[in-house]
Amino acid sequence: MTILEIITRHADLIFVVLAWVFVLLRVIQVTVHVTNNNVSWRGASYGIGAIVLLVMWIIFIIRILLGLP
């Protein structure tokens, strides 16, 4: 995803913030997995991360289809 944003020059502040939120949620998921392994917390962080990634893809697709910078 990130390489597509860089190649097409569509990476902006919103994309960078969403990418870091996704990374943070992955770190939380791994931390929960290797410590107390609370499945509801781990699943919630995974689900929210998947939603963030979906939002990133939707923004990317809209920008490409509409020819936005």
N, C-alpha and C. Protein backbone atom coordinates (compact mmCIF):
# COMPACT_ATOMS: atom_id res chain seq x y z
N MET A 1 0.82 -1.19 0.00
CA MET A 1 0.00 0.00 0.00
C MET A 1 0.86 1.25 0.00
N THR A 2 1.84 1.28 0.89
CA THR A 2 2.67 2.46 1.02
C THR A 2 3.47 2.71 -0.25
N ILE A 3 4.02 1.66 -0.84
CA ILE A 3 4.80 1.84 -2.06
C ILE A 3 3.95 2.39 -3.19
N LEU A 4 2.67 2.01 -3.26
CA LEU A 4 1.79 2.57 -4.28
C LEU A 4 1.55 4.05 -4.06
N GLU A 5 1.41 4.45 -2.81
CA GLU A 5 1.23 5.87 -2.50
C GLU A 5 2.46 6.68 -2.89
N ILE A 6 3.63 6.12 -2.63
CA ILE A 6 4.87 6.84 -2.95
C ILE A 6 5.07 6.92 -4.46
N ILE A 7 4.86 5.80 -5.16
CA ILE A 7 5.05 5.80 -6.61
C ILE A 7 4.09 6.75 -7.30
N THR A 8 2.84 6.77 -6.89
CA THR A 8 1.84 7.62 -7.52
C THR A 8 1.83 9.04 -6.95
N ARG A 9 2.68 9.29 -5.98
CA ARG A 9 2.80 10.61 -5.34
C ARG A 9 1.48 11.09 -4.72
N HIS A 10 0.78 10.16 -4.07
CA HIS A 10 -0.46 10.50 -3.38
C HIS A 10 -0.31 10.46 -1.86
N ALA A 11 0.89 10.24 -1.37
CA ALA A 11 1.10 10.20 0.08
C ALA A 11 1.04 11.61 0.64
N ASP A 12 0.15 11.82 1.59
CA ASP A 12 0.04 13.11 2.25
C ASP A 12 -0.07 12.88 3.75
N LEU A 13 -0.36 13.93 4.49
CA LEU A 13 -0.40 13.84 5.95
C LEU A 13 -1.46 12.84 6.43
N ILE A 14 -2.62 12.83 5.81
CA ILE A 14 -3.69 11.91 6.22
C ILE A 14 -3.22 10.47 6.06
N PHE A 15 -2.60 10.17 4.91
CA PHE A 15 -2.14 8.81 4.68
C PHE A 15 -1.05 8.42 5.67
N VAL A 16 -0.13 9.31 5.94
CA VAL A 16 0.96 9.00 6.87
C VAL A 16 0.42 8.77 8.28
N VAL A 17 -0.53 9.58 8.71
CA VAL A 17 -1.13 9.40 10.04
C VAL A 17 -1.86 8.06 10.11
N LEU A 18 -2.64 7.73 9.08
CA LEU A 18 -3.35 6.46 9.07
C LEU A 18 -2.38 5.28 9.06
N ALA A 19 -1.28 5.41 8.34
CA ALA A 19 -0.28 4.34 8.31
C ALA A 19 0.33 4.13 9.69
N TRP A 20 0.63 5.22 10.40
CA TRP A 20 1.19 5.09 11.75
C TRP A 20 0.17 4.56 12.74
N VAL A 21 -1.10 4.91 12.56
CA VAL A 21 -2.15 4.34 13.41
C VAL A 21 -2.22 2.83 13.19
N PHE A 22 -2.13 2.40 11.93
CA PHE A 22 -2.13 0.98 11.61
C PHE A 22 -0.94 0.27 12.27
N VAL A 23 0.24 0.87 12.17
CA VAL A 23 1.42 0.27 12.80
C VAL A 23 1.24 0.19 14.31
N LEU A 24 0.74 1.24 14.92
CA LEU A 24 0.52 1.25 16.37
C LEU A 24 -0.46 0.14 16.78
N LEU A 25 -1.51 -0.05 16.00
CA LEU A 25 -2.47 -1.10 16.31
C LEU A 25 -1.85 -2.49 16.16
N ARG A 26 -0.95 -2.66 15.21
CA ARG A 26 -0.25 -3.94 15.07
C ARG A 26 0.67 -4.19 16.27
N VAL A 27 1.34 -3.14 16.74
CA VAL A 27 2.20 -3.27 17.92
C VAL A 27 1.36 -3.65 19.13
N ILE A 28 0.21 -3.03 19.28
CA ILE A 28 -0.69 -3.37 20.39
C ILE A 28 -1.13 -4.82 20.28
N GLN A 29 -1.47 -5.27 19.08
CA GLN A 29 -1.91 -6.64 18.89
C GLN A 29 -0.79 -7.62 19.27
N VAL A 30 0.42 -7.36 18.84
CA VAL A 30 1.54 -8.24 19.17
C VAL A 30 1.83 -8.23 20.66
N THR A 31 1.77 -7.05 21.26
CA THR A 31 2.02 -6.93 22.70
C THR A 31 1.00 -7.75 23.49
N VAL A 32 -0.26 -7.63 23.12
CA VAL A 32 -1.29 -8.42 23.80
C VAL A 32 -1.06 -9.90 23.56
N HIS A 33 -0.66 -10.26 22.36
CA HIS A 33 -0.46 -11.67 22.03
C HIS A 33 0.67 -12.31 22.86
N VAL A 34 1.75 -11.57 23.06
CA VAL A 34 2.89 -12.17 23.78
C VAL A 34 2.83 -11.97 25.29
N THR A 35 1.88 -11.16 25.78
CA THR A 35 1.78 -10.97 27.23
C THR A 35 0.60 -11.77 27.77
N ASN A 36 -0.55 -11.16 27.90
CA ASN A 36 -1.68 -11.85 28.54
C ASN A 36 -2.58 -12.59 27.55
N ASN A 37 -2.43 -12.35 26.27
CA ASN A 37 -3.18 -13.01 25.20
C ASN A 37 -4.69 -12.94 25.40
N ASN A 38 -5.16 -11.76 25.77
CA ASN A 38 -6.60 -11.52 25.90
C ASN A 38 -7.18 -11.43 24.48
N VAL A 39 -7.97 -12.42 24.12
CA VAL A 39 -8.44 -12.55 22.74
C VAL A 39 -9.33 -11.38 22.34
N SER A 40 -10.12 -10.86 23.25
CA SER A 40 -11.00 -9.75 22.88
C SER A 40 -10.20 -8.48 22.59
N TRP A 41 -9.15 -8.22 23.36
CA TRP A 41 -8.30 -7.06 23.09
C TRP A 41 -7.53 -7.23 21.79
N ARG A 42 -7.00 -8.44 21.62
CA ARG A 42 -6.22 -8.72 20.41
C ARG A 42 -7.11 -8.63 19.18
N GLY A 43 -8.31 -9.18 19.27
CA GLY A 43 -9.25 -9.12 18.15
C GLY A 43 -9.71 -7.71 17.85
N ALA A 44 -9.90 -6.92 18.90
CA ALA A 44 -10.33 -5.53 18.70
C ALA A 44 -9.24 -4.73 18.00
N SER A 45 -7.99 -4.90 18.42
CA SER A 45 -6.91 -4.16 17.77
C SER A 45 -6.73 -4.62 16.33
N TYR A 46 -6.92 -5.91 16.08
CA TYR A 46 -6.83 -6.42 14.71
C TYR A 46 -7.98 -5.85 13.86
N GLY A 47 -9.18 -5.85 14.39
CA GLY A 47 -10.33 -5.35 13.65
C GLY A 47 -10.24 -3.87 13.33
N ILE A 48 -9.83 -3.09 14.31
CA ILE A 48 -9.68 -1.65 14.08
C ILE A 48 -8.57 -1.40 13.07
N GLY A 49 -7.49 -2.17 13.15
CA GLY A 49 -6.41 -2.05 12.17
C GLY A 49 -6.88 -2.38 10.76
N ALA A 50 -7.72 -3.40 10.64
CA ALA A 50 -8.26 -3.76 9.33
C ALA A 50 -9.15 -2.64 8.78
N ILE A 51 -9.91 -2.00 9.65
CA ILE A 51 -10.75 -0.88 9.22
C ILE A 51 -9.89 0.30 8.76
N VAL A 52 -8.82 0.58 9.51
CA VAL A 52 -7.90 1.67 9.12
C VAL A 52 -7.30 1.37 7.76
N LEU A 53 -6.87 0.12 7.54
CA LEU A 53 -6.30 -0.26 6.26
C LEU A 53 -7.33 -0.14 5.14
N LEU A 54 -8.57 -0.52 5.41
CA LEU A 54 -9.64 -0.38 4.42
C LEU A 54 -9.87 1.08 4.07
N VAL A 55 -9.86 1.95 5.06
CA VAL A 55 -10.02 3.39 4.82
C VAL A 55 -8.86 3.91 3.96
N MET A 56 -7.65 3.44 4.23
CA MET A 56 -6.51 3.86 3.43
C MET A 56 -6.68 3.45 1.97
N TRP A 57 -7.13 2.22 1.74
CA TRP A 57 -7.36 1.75 0.37
C TRP A 57 -8.46 2.56 -0.31
N ILE A 58 -9.54 2.85 0.41
CA ILE A 58 -10.64 3.62 -0.19
C ILE A 58 -10.18 5.02 -0.58
N ILE A 59 -9.43 5.67 0.30
CA ILE A 59 -8.90 7.00 -0.02
C ILE A 59 -8.01 6.92 -1.25
N PHE A 60 -7.13 5.92 -1.30
CA PHE A 60 -6.22 5.76 -2.44
C PHE A 60 -7.00 5.55 -3.73
N ILE A 61 -7.99 4.66 -3.71
CA ILE A 61 -8.77 4.36 -4.92
C ILE A 61 -9.53 5.58 -5.39
N ILE A 62 -10.14 6.32 -4.47
CA ILE A 62 -10.88 7.53 -4.85
C ILE A 62 -9.95 8.56 -5.48
N ARG A 63 -8.78 8.75 -4.89
CA ARG A 63 -7.82 9.71 -5.46
C ARG A 63 -7.36 9.30 -6.84
N ILE A 64 -7.14 8.03 -7.07
CA ILE A 64 -6.71 7.57 -8.38
C ILE A 64 -7.83 7.72 -9.40
N LEU A 65 -9.03 7.30 -9.04
CA LEU A 65 -10.15 7.37 -9.98
C LEU A 65 -10.55 8.79 -10.33
N LEU A 66 -10.48 9.69 -9.37
CA LEU A 66 -10.87 11.08 -9.62
C LEU A 66 -9.71 11.94 -10.11
N GLY A 67 -8.51 11.37 -10.11
CA GLY A 67 -7.34 12.13 -10.56
C GLY A 67 -6.94 13.22 -9.60
N LEU A 68 -7.21 13.03 -8.32
CA LEU A 68 -6.86 14.03 -7.32
C LEU A 68 -5.39 13.90 -6.95
N PRO A 69 -4.77 14.99 -6.54
CA PRO A 69 -3.36 14.90 -6.14
C PRO A 69 -3.17 14.25 -4.80
